[in-house]
Amino acid sequence: MQLPEDQLRAGHIPVDLYRQIPPGTDVRKVVIVQEAPRSYRGPIVLALVVTAGSVAVLLVLAFVVQVVAGAAVAVLSATGGLSYAINRTSKTRKGI
């Protein structure tokens, strides 16, 4: 339906719009334009980008905290202020 006459013959002029047409208007030349449906692609992509960015920031922050903590332990143990030892007990008893 490309011509206004086709719209009129098919009855595609809604009643509420038909009442808004000024008197004396040739109804055969009336073209109804509908708004395009809303696209949700933009908001969905934005939400995914924000989520991925937040995860990336948290991973970088965790890595930086780990490096800083490791450097602090290395500096303190080198200066003698802190010692860190892992004691592993053997699974077999000796000398009993």
Protein backbone atom coordinates (compact mmCIF):
# COMPACT_ATOMS: atom_id res chain seq x y z
CA MET A 1 0.00 0.00 0.00
CA GLN A 2 2.01 2.89 -1.26
CA LEU A 3 -0.77 5.22 -2.37
CA PRO A 4 -3.20 7.03 -0.06
CA GLU A 5 -6.11 5.62 -2.08
CA ASP A 6 -4.96 2.11 -1.22
CA GLN A 7 -4.98 3.02 2.48
CA LEU A 8 -8.48 4.46 2.24
CA ARG A 9 -9.84 1.44 0.37
CA ALA A 10 -8.31 -0.92 2.88
CA GLY A 11 -9.74 1.10 5.77
CA HIS A 12 -6.39 1.93 7.35
CA ILE A 13 -7.40 5.31 8.72
CA PRO A 14 -8.22 4.77 12.40
CA VAL A 15 -11.30 6.48 13.79
CA ASP A 16 -9.40 8.63 16.28
CA LEU A 17 -7.16 9.94 13.49
CA TYR A 18 -10.09 10.34 11.14
CA ARG A 19 -11.72 12.72 13.63
CA GLN A 20 -8.55 14.84 13.75
CA ILE A 21 -8.54 15.45 10.00
CA PRO A 22 -9.74 19.01 9.32
CA PRO A 23 -13.02 19.33 7.42
CA GLY A 24 -12.63 19.71 3.66
CA THR A 25 -9.45 17.60 3.51
CA ASP A 26 -9.27 15.11 0.69
CA VAL A 27 -9.05 11.81 2.59
CA ARG A 28 -7.55 10.10 -0.44
CA LYS A 29 -4.37 12.16 0.05
CA VAL A 30 -3.94 11.43 3.73
CA VAL A 31 -0.90 9.32 4.56
CA ILE A 32 -0.49 7.82 8.02
CA VAL A 33 3.07 7.62 9.30
CA GLN A 34 3.76 5.25 12.15
CA GLU A 35 6.64 5.54 14.55
CA ALA A 36 9.29 2.86 14.21
CA PRO A 37 9.39 0.30 17.02
CA ARG A 38 11.91 0.96 19.75
CA SER A 39 15.25 -0.78 19.48
CA TYR A 40 16.68 -2.20 22.70
CA ARG A 41 20.09 -2.97 21.21
CA GLY A 42 21.73 0.21 22.55
CA PRO A 43 20.69 -0.15 26.21
CA ILE A 44 21.57 -3.86 26.24
CA VAL A 45 25.03 -3.22 24.79
CA LEU A 46 25.56 -0.39 27.26
CA ALA A 47 24.65 -2.65 30.20
CA LEU A 48 27.04 -5.35 28.96
CA VAL A 49 29.87 -2.84 28.52
CA VAL A 50 29.34 -1.41 32.00
CA THR A 51 29.29 -4.89 33.52
CA ALA A 52 32.45 -5.98 31.68
CA GLY A 53 34.18 -2.75 32.67
CA SER A 54 33.29 -3.24 36.31
CA VAL A 55 34.63 -6.79 36.28
CA ALA A 56 37.84 -5.62 34.61
CA VAL A 57 38.35 -2.87 37.19
CA LEU A 58 37.82 -5.34 40.05
CA LEU A 59 40.31 -7.80 38.55
CA VAL A 60 42.95 -5.10 38.11
CA LEU A 61 42.34 -3.88 41.66
CA ALA A 62 42.72 -7.41 43.07
CA PHE A 63 45.96 -7.88 41.13
CA VAL A 64 47.37 -4.56 42.37
CA VAL A 65 46.48 -5.40 45.97
CA GLN A 66 48.19 -8.78 45.61
CA VAL A 67 51.35 -7.23 44.18
CA VAL A 68 51.45 -4.55 46.88
CA ALA A 69 50.97 -7.15 49.64
CA GLY A 70 53.72 -9.35 48.18
CA ALA A 71 56.08 -6.40 47.92
CA ALA A 72 55.32 -5.37 51.51
CA VAL A 73 56.06 -8.88 52.82
CA ALA A 74 59.30 -9.01 50.80
CA VAL A 75 60.48 -5.65 52.11
CA LEU A 76 59.59 -6.43 55.71
CA SER A 77 61.21 -9.85 55.64
CA ALA A 78 64.37 -8.41 54.05
CA THR A 79 64.66 -5.81 56.78
CA GLY A 80 64.06 -8.39 59.49
CA GLY A 81 60.79 -6.92 60.63
CA LEU A 82 58.69 -9.87 59.54
CA SER A 83 59.33 -13.50 59.02
CA TYR A 84 57.03 -15.87 57.28
CA ALA A 85 57.52 -19.58 57.55
CA ILE A 86 55.51 -22.55 56.43
CA ASN A 87 55.79 -25.54 58.73
CA ARG A 88 54.92 -28.81 57.10
CA THR A 89 54.38 -31.68 59.45
CA SER A 90 55.19 -35.11 58.15
CA LYS A 91 52.39 -37.58 57.84
CA THR A 92 54.36 -40.37 59.48
CA ARG A 93 55.34 -40.25 63.10
CA LYS A 94 59.01 -40.55 63.75
CA GLY A 95 60.54 -41.90 66.92
CA ILE A 96 57.44 -43.11 68.73
